[in-house]
Amino acid sequence: MKISVLGTGMVGRAVAARLDELGHEVAIGTRNPEQTLSRTEPDAMGTPAFTPWQRANSGVELLSYSEAGAHGEVVINATNGANSLAALEATGGRNLAGKVLIDIALALDFSEGMPPKLLIASDDSLAEQIQRTYPEARVVKTLNTIFCDVMVNPSRVPGAHNVFVAGNDESAKTTAKSILNEFGWPSEATLDLGGIEVARSVELYMPLYFTLHGVLGTFDFNIAMVRTS
């Protein structure tokens, strides 16, 4: 498929590189490609400059948000969640209409350090805001409960563990599940939680997620759902 990944940070890079490796026609979107390529210092999260990464991943094309939106049959939002709506506005509603829009972003505030605060809580979620703003897009929330390296390679965490999906459109969720399966997530590991409003529950997991990181000293962990038969 033609897949566009919005966001050039570590999450966007991990997802784009894996999709390219799997044989998809991948573009990665940014607000200003020339500016992105001109940076030589790490970003605010400590991710190294983009240019060396692109040299190592030459099959991934760097485009503006709007160009990436036009390119992708599937669009993956891997931007900083605090800026996701602005990034999607730059991508353009016309470029998102009718398309599967996989939202893996997190609306977090790191201004006071770790663990971050939630920018959206309790009665709403970023995924719901995206769906309301772009009603013709078919939004699926997934992968946001997992570190980017585990997203694209679940075998980093031993044993059986789970990934969640939420969205209103069943065929869009089928597409998302297919990509998850390509990443290495077995079908039985994918739990469909229901409609897009359920995205708030997985987004609310973040304070615990970052607390667990502080306790465990690693991001290589995940949730495993265990129940009686």
Foldseek 3Di string as FASTA:
>chain_A
DEEEEEAQFPLSLLLQQLVVVLPYQYEYEDQDVVVQCPDQAADPVRGGRRNVSCVVVVSYHYDHLLVSLQRHLEYEYAHALCCRVVSVVRNPLVSQAQGEYEYQHANWACPVHPPTDHPDADQAGSQRVVCVVNVRHWYKYKDNLADSVCQLAVVLADDAAAIEIAADDPVSVVVVLVVSVSSPHDPVRYYYPYHSSCVNVSSVCSNVLRVVCVVVVDRSDHHHDDDDD
